[in-house]
Every structure is written in structure tokens, then in C-alpha cells.
């Protein structure tokens, strides 16, 4: 079983920045592609970004392109989400997710159905 734990959320003014982290405990199973999702109150969960096992392939949702950057450090079993120029509409609970199935070192999808492990989420609130 793999546990994912997000951290780094908080309250920030519009235009500000936050950096989220997602730590994975790969106790018995490896993980491959990882991704960030978010869910705002009253809205469906939406994808944010996905990064391949190699870290070489990254996909972003259009709404965050140019503002958010994701990366991973496999040696530390950690994924990051650097969020710049935050907007009030970025307010949501942010979740990280990981895929337990190997689909290639450069596989990275924004499709939430692929991911098997999910963190508990961290709140990001952007004030106007």
C-alpha cells in the first residue's frame, strides 16, 4: 500500500504563490505517473497537472498553463506543484494521485480514472 500526503496549502492573496508537496511512502509497491487534481466547493474534481515517472513528460490543464509548474524527485518520493500568479478561481482542495501500473517511463495522463492512490488533500484559498 502507498500513502500520499500533501502539504503546503494555505491562504494567499491574488497574484501570490504557493508550493505544494506530495510525499509518497512506497513501502511495498512502486508508483509511476503522478498527478495533481483539485476540487472547488460545489464543483466537480478537475485535473491540474500530470508528470511521468521519468519527469520528462508533463501535461497541464489549460487553465493553469504558464502559471503552475509540477516536478518530481523520485529519490525523495515527492512531487511538487509550484503555483504562481494565483487567482481566486484557483481556490480548491488540491489532491495528489499516483498510478501503480507501469505504462512507460514517459506516460503522464490527466485522466483521474488511471490513478490508484490518492492523498487526503490540502486546502488552497486565494483571496481577491
Foldseek 3Di string as FASTA:
>chain_A
DKAKAKDWADEEAAQAKIKMKIAIDCPPADWWKKFKWWDDPPGDIFGAKIATRLRPAMDGDPVQPPFWDKGDDVVRRMIMIIGGRDDQVVWTWMKMFTARDDPDRGDIDRDPVRTDYMHPTDTHGYHD
